[in-house]
């Protein structure tokens, strides 16, 4: 496995974790992508989670609008084994700016929401950065192996299409950007804005922007498809203590791996 990266990315492969566990308005997209804790908490709203009767195997039964979680064929996350070298290599041009950000505990994860002004361009299409959020363990796996965590940068273009940039997160050195985010996490006050901070999302990106791309879905209800997925090959690090801080809030918030169903994964 991994012959596609043996020459130029061997150091990345060795750093993969051995763990096997697996805005338009910002508020609108937050509800679409996760559903805030507040929004789903009412008696008239569907409630989903990662355990018990609302676990991922039951999402499609919770509400009609979640049927894609069961019936969709292009679902995420996936296990990446042997991607193909893209014949027409795509690029991601990052244009992230320092801007006001809000740290929110939405009842499913810790999320950092951004004011307009940061974007990516994929194949001449511009997507505005809305928010990023975290999962533990990583939702995507490489050769059946999960990393400690994964961060998802969620973007939207003018037509409303979503593009997500994912980065695997391995246990290692303390991450100062993560430290500042964790310091702003609400204390027993879920789904409430807790802190305005100035943040440039580019400070979380690895140096190497080589990425794997495929067409998938949201990894949370309503599991909507036609999402452009772009997983950076080079992981970033955070400390074991920082991982433990997140796990103290969300011990497990990763959707199980979904069938590939004939989709291709391209190395760009």
Protein backbone atom coordinates (compact mmCIF):
# COMPACT_ATOMS: atom_id res chain seq x y z
CA UNK A 1 0.00 0.00 0.00
CA UNK A 2 0.90 3.65 -0.38
CA UNK A 3 3.22 3.15 -3.35
CA UNK A 4 1.77 6.41 -4.69
CA UNK A 5 3.59 8.33 -1.95
CA UNK A 6 6.64 6.17 -1.25
CA UNK A 7 9.14 8.54 -2.86
CA UNK A 8 7.95 12.01 -1.85
CA UNK A 9 5.71 11.37 1.15
CA UNK A 10 7.36 8.60 3.16
CA UNK A 11 7.75 10.86 6.16
CA UNK A 12 4.00 11.46 6.11
CA UNK A 13 3.21 7.76 6.07
CA UNK A 14 5.44 7.15 9.10
CA UNK A 15 3.61 9.87 11.03
CA UNK A 16 0.14 8.36 10.56
CA UNK A 17 -1.35 7.26 13.90
CA UNK A 18 -1.74 3.59 14.67
CA UNK A 19 -5.06 4.14 16.41
CA UNK A 20 -7.84 1.99 15.01
CA UNK A 21 -10.81 3.54 16.86
CA UNK A 22 -12.50 5.06 14.89
CA UNK A 23 -23.20 32.02 6.50
CA UNK A 24 -24.96 33.29 3.05
CA UNK A 25 -25.17 33.05 6.99
CA UNK A 26 -22.80 31.08 9.19
CA UNK A 27 -25.67 30.10 11.44
CA UNK A 28 -27.56 28.57 8.50
CA UNK A 29 -24.61 26.52 7.34
CA UNK A 30 -23.88 25.49 10.93
CA UNK A 31 -27.37 24.01 11.10
CA UNK A 32 -26.94 22.27 7.74
CA UNK A 33 -23.53 20.85 8.52
CA UNK A 34 -24.06 19.90 12.16
CA UNK A 35 -27.34 21.18 13.46
CA UNK A 36 -26.61 23.22 16.54
CA UNK A 37 -27.27 21.74 19.96
CA UNK A 38 -29.87 24.44 20.46
CA UNK A 39 -31.58 23.85 17.13
CA UNK A 40 -32.01 20.11 17.60
CA UNK A 41 -32.76 20.22 21.33
CA UNK A 42 -36.44 21.15 21.06
CA UNK A 43 -39.18 18.51 21.23
CA UNK A 44 -40.18 19.26 17.63
CA UNK A 45 -36.66 18.82 16.24
CA UNK A 46 -34.86 15.57 15.41
CA UNK A 47 -32.01 14.67 17.76
CA UNK A 48 -28.99 12.73 16.53
CA UNK A 49 -25.74 11.63 18.07
CA UNK A 50 -22.99 9.04 18.04
CA UNK A 51 -24.26 6.59 20.63
CA UNK A 52 -27.43 5.06 22.00
CA UNK A 53 -30.66 5.15 20.04
CA UNK A 54 -29.50 8.15 17.96
CA UNK A 55 -26.24 6.57 16.74
CA UNK A 56 -25.19 6.78 13.06
CA UNK A 57 -26.89 3.50 12.13
CA UNK A 58 -30.19 5.09 13.15
CA UNK A 59 -29.81 8.55 11.61
CA UNK A 60 -32.04 7.83 8.62
CA UNK A 61 -34.82 6.70 10.99
CA UNK A 62 -34.74 9.87 13.07
CA UNK A 63 -36.23 12.20 10.47
CA UNK A 64 -37.29 12.00 6.78
CA UNK A 65 -34.78 14.70 5.86
CA UNK A 66 -32.01 12.35 7.04
CA UNK A 67 -32.81 9.57 4.57
CA UNK A 68 -29.61 10.17 2.57
CA UNK A 69 -27.68 8.83 5.57
CA UNK A 70 -29.03 5.39 4.60
CA UNK A 71 -29.99 5.70 0.93
CA UNK A 72 -27.15 7.89 -0.38
CA UNK A 73 -24.50 6.17 -2.50
CA UNK A 74 -21.78 8.85 -2.33
CA UNK A 75 -21.39 9.12 1.41
CA UNK A 76 -18.49 10.23 3.62
CA UNK A 77 -16.14 9.47 5.30
CA UNK A 78 -14.24 6.78 3.39
CA UNK A 79 -11.17 4.58 3.80
CA UNK A 80 -8.46 5.60 1.33
CA UNK A 81 -6.31 2.71 0.13
CA UNK A 82 -4.93 3.24 -3.34
CA UNK A 83 -5.79 6.63 -4.88
CA UNK A 84 -5.18 7.40 -8.52
CA UNK A 85 -2.82 10.05 -9.83
CA UNK A 86 -5.16 12.64 -11.31
CA UNK A 87 -4.77 13.09 -15.07
CA UNK A 88 -5.87 16.71 -14.75
CA UNK A 89 -4.38 17.76 -11.45
CA UNK A 90 -6.51 20.14 -9.41
CA UNK A 91 -5.12 22.78 -7.10
CA UNK A 92 -6.36 24.49 -3.97
CA UNK A 93 -5.39 28.12 -3.63
CA UNK A 94 -5.80 29.22 -0.01
CA UNK A 95 -6.63 32.85 0.69
CA UNK A 96 -7.21 32.85 4.42
CA UNK A 97 -7.09 36.16 6.27
CA UNK A 98 -6.87 37.17 9.91
CA UNK A 99 -10.42 37.87 10.96
CA UNK A 100 -12.83 37.66 13.86
CA UNK A 101 -13.72 34.10 14.83
CA UNK A 102 -16.15 32.66 17.37
CA UNK A 103 -15.57 29.44 19.29
CA UNK A 104 -18.79 27.49 19.80
CA UNK A 105 -19.66 24.17 21.42
CA UNK A 106 -22.64 23.12 19.29
CA UNK A 107 -23.42 19.90 21.13
CA UNK A 108 -21.66 17.68 18.57
CA UNK A 109 -18.19 19.22 18.34
CA UNK A 110 -16.14 22.34 18.94
CA UNK A 111 -16.57 24.71 16.01
CA UNK A 112 -14.76 27.90 15.03
CA UNK A 113 -16.94 30.24 12.96
CA UNK A 114 -15.52 32.96 10.72
CA UNK A 115 -16.54 36.34 9.45
CA UNK A 116 -16.50 36.66 5.63
CA UNK A 117 -13.16 37.34 4.01
CA UNK A 118 -11.30 34.02 3.82
CA UNK A 119 -11.65 31.66 0.88
CA UNK A 120 -10.21 28.87 -1.22
CA UNK A 121 -10.22 28.50 -4.98
CA UNK A 122 -10.53 25.02 -6.50
CA UNK A 123 -10.35 24.84 -10.31
CA UNK A 124 -11.29 28.52 -10.63
CA UNK A 125 -14.29 28.16 -8.30
CA UNK A 126 -14.21 30.34 -5.17
CA UNK A 127 -15.53 28.99 -1.87
CA UNK A 128 -15.84 31.17 1.23
CA UNK A 129 -14.63 29.76 4.55
CA UNK A 130 -17.52 29.42 7.00
CA UNK A 131 -16.15 27.37 9.87
CA UNK A 132 -13.90 24.53 10.93
CA UNK A 133 -14.63 21.80 13.46
CA UNK A 134 -13.10 18.65 14.94
CA UNK A 135 -13.69 14.89 15.11
CA UNK A 136 -12.08 12.18 17.20
CA UNK A 137 -10.84 9.80 16.03
CA UNK A 138 -10.34 10.91 12.43
CA UNK A 139 -13.34 10.17 10.24
CA UNK A 140 -11.28 9.39 7.15
CA UNK A 141 -8.83 6.53 7.42
CA UNK A 142 -5.74 5.66 5.41
CA UNK A 143 -5.19 1.94 4.79
CA UNK A 144 -7.74 1.23 7.56
CA UNK A 145 -5.81 3.34 10.08
CA UNK A 146 -7.30 6.33 11.87
CA UNK A 147 -5.46 9.35 13.18
CA UNK A 148 -6.09 10.79 16.63
CA UNK A 149 -8.32 13.57 15.28
CA UNK A 150 -9.39 15.31 12.09
CA UNK A 151 -10.29 18.94 11.41
CA UNK A 152 -12.75 19.92 8.67
CA UNK A 153 -12.68 23.36 7.04
CA UNK A 154 -16.15 23.98 5.57
CA UNK A 155 -16.53 26.33 2.59
CA UNK A 156 -19.44 27.38 0.39
CA UNK A 157 -19.59 28.95 -3.08
CA UNK A 158 -22.16 31.40 -4.41
CA UNK A 159 -24.32 28.55 -5.72
CA UNK A 160 -24.46 27.01 -2.25
CA UNK A 161 -22.18 24.05 -3.01
CA UNK A 162 -19.93 22.93 -0.18
CA UNK A 163 -16.22 22.15 -0.35
CA UNK A 164 -14.52 20.67 2.69
CA UNK A 165 -10.78 20.57 3.33
CA UNK A 166 -9.86 17.85 5.81
CA UNK A 167 -6.59 17.52 7.72
CA UNK A 168 -5.57 14.51 9.79
CA UNK A 169 -4.22 15.31 13.25
CA UNK A 170 -1.61 13.10 14.92
CA UNK A 171 -0.39 13.00 18.50
CA UNK A 172 2.88 14.89 18.83
CA UNK A 173 3.99 18.40 19.70
CA UNK A 174 1.72 20.93 21.34
CA UNK A 175 -0.13 23.06 18.78
CA UNK A 176 -0.29 26.75 19.80
CA UNK A 177 -3.28 27.48 17.56
CA UNK A 178 -5.24 24.62 19.09
CA UNK A 179 -4.21 25.87 22.54
CA UNK A 180 -5.82 29.25 21.86
CA UNK A 181 -9.00 27.59 20.60
CA UNK A 182 -9.25 25.18 23.52
CA UNK A 183 -8.79 28.11 25.93
CA UNK A 184 -11.93 29.69 24.43
CA UNK A 185 -14.19 26.61 24.67
CA UNK A 186 -17.43 27.40 26.55
CA UNK A 187 -17.60 26.04 30.09
CA UNK A 188 -20.84 24.12 30.63
CA UNK A 189 -22.63 26.43 28.21
CA UNK A 190 -23.08 24.49 25.02
CA UNK A 191 -24.20 26.14 21.81
CA UNK A 192 -23.39 29.62 23.09
CA UNK A 193 -20.89 32.00 21.57
CA UNK A 194 -18.16 32.33 24.12
CA UNK A 195 -15.32 34.28 22.67
CA UNK A 196 -14.41 36.57 19.84
CA UNK A 197 -10.83 36.06 18.77
CA UNK A 198 -8.66 37.10 15.86
CA UNK A 199 -7.52 34.06 13.95
CA UNK A 200 -6.03 33.21 10.58
CA UNK A 201 -7.09 29.68 9.63
CA UNK A 202 -3.91 29.34 7.54
CA UNK A 203 -1.96 28.87 10.77
CA UNK A 204 -3.45 25.37 11.05
CA UNK A 205 -2.47 24.27 7.55
CA UNK A 206 0.52 22.00 6.89
CA UNK A 207 3.32 23.20 4.62
CA UNK A 208 2.60 20.62 1.92
CA UNK A 209 -0.74 21.18 0.18
CA UNK A 210 -0.81 17.89 -1.76
CA UNK A 211 -4.32 16.54 -1.40
CA UNK A 212 -6.69 13.66 -2.13
CA UNK A 213 -10.05 14.54 -3.67
CA UNK A 214 -13.35 12.76 -4.15
CA UNK A 215 -17.07 13.51 -4.26
CA UNK A 216 -18.86 12.72 -1.02
CA UNK A 217 -21.33 13.99 1.55
CA UNK A 218 -21.69 15.69 4.88
CA UNK A 219 -20.56 13.30 7.60
CA UNK A 220 -23.42 14.42 9.84
CA UNK A 221 -27.19 14.57 9.25
CA UNK A 222 -28.70 15.30 6.80
CA UNK A 223 -25.75 13.57 5.02
CA UNK A 224 -26.31 15.71 1.91
CA UNK A 225 -24.26 14.66 -1.10
CA UNK A 226 -22.37 16.48 -3.88
CA UNK A 227 -19.82 17.77 -1.38
CA UNK A 228 -16.32 18.36 -2.76
CA UNK A 229 -13.94 16.57 -0.39
CA UNK A 230 -10.26 17.50 -0.28
CA UNK A 231 -8.07 15.69 2.27
CA UNK A 232 -4.57 17.10 2.69
CA UNK A 233 -1.96 14.34 2.67
CA UNK A 234 0.36 15.88 5.26
CA UNK A 235 -1.03 15.70 8.80
CA UNK A 236 -0.59 18.27 11.55
CA UNK A 237 0.19 17.60 15.21
CA UNK A 238 -1.32 18.38 18.57
CA UNK A 239 -0.24 17.16 21.98
CA UNK A 240 -1.67 14.16 23.85
CA UNK A 241 -2.95 16.61 26.45
CA UNK A 242 -4.77 18.62 23.77
CA UNK A 243 -6.33 15.44 22.41
CA UNK A 244 -7.43 14.50 25.93
CA UNK A 245 -9.03 17.92 26.40
CA UNK A 246 -11.22 17.41 23.34
CA UNK A 247 -12.00 13.80 24.26
CA UNK A 248 -13.15 14.94 27.70
CA UNK A 249 -15.95 16.77 25.88
CA UNK A 250 -16.46 14.41 22.93
CA UNK A 251 -14.91 10.97 23.51
CA UNK A 252 -16.11 9.78 20.10
CA UNK A 253 -17.76 11.87 17.38
CA UNK A 254 -16.75 10.13 14.15
CA UNK A 255 -19.15 8.63 11.63
CA UNK A 256 -18.22 5.08 10.55
CA UNK A 257 -16.53 4.51 7.19
CA UNK A 258 -18.93 4.46 4.23
CA UNK A 259 -18.78 2.30 1.05
CA UNK A 260 -16.85 3.77 -1.85
CA UNK A 261 -19.40 2.44 -4.37
CA UNK A 262 -17.12 2.80 -7.37
CA UNK A 263 -15.99 6.36 -6.69
CA UNK A 264 -12.43 7.32 -7.55
CA UNK A 265 -10.07 9.11 -5.17
CA UNK A 266 -7.59 11.35 -6.95
CA UNK A 267 -4.13 12.38 -5.80
CA UNK A 268 -3.49 16.01 -6.69
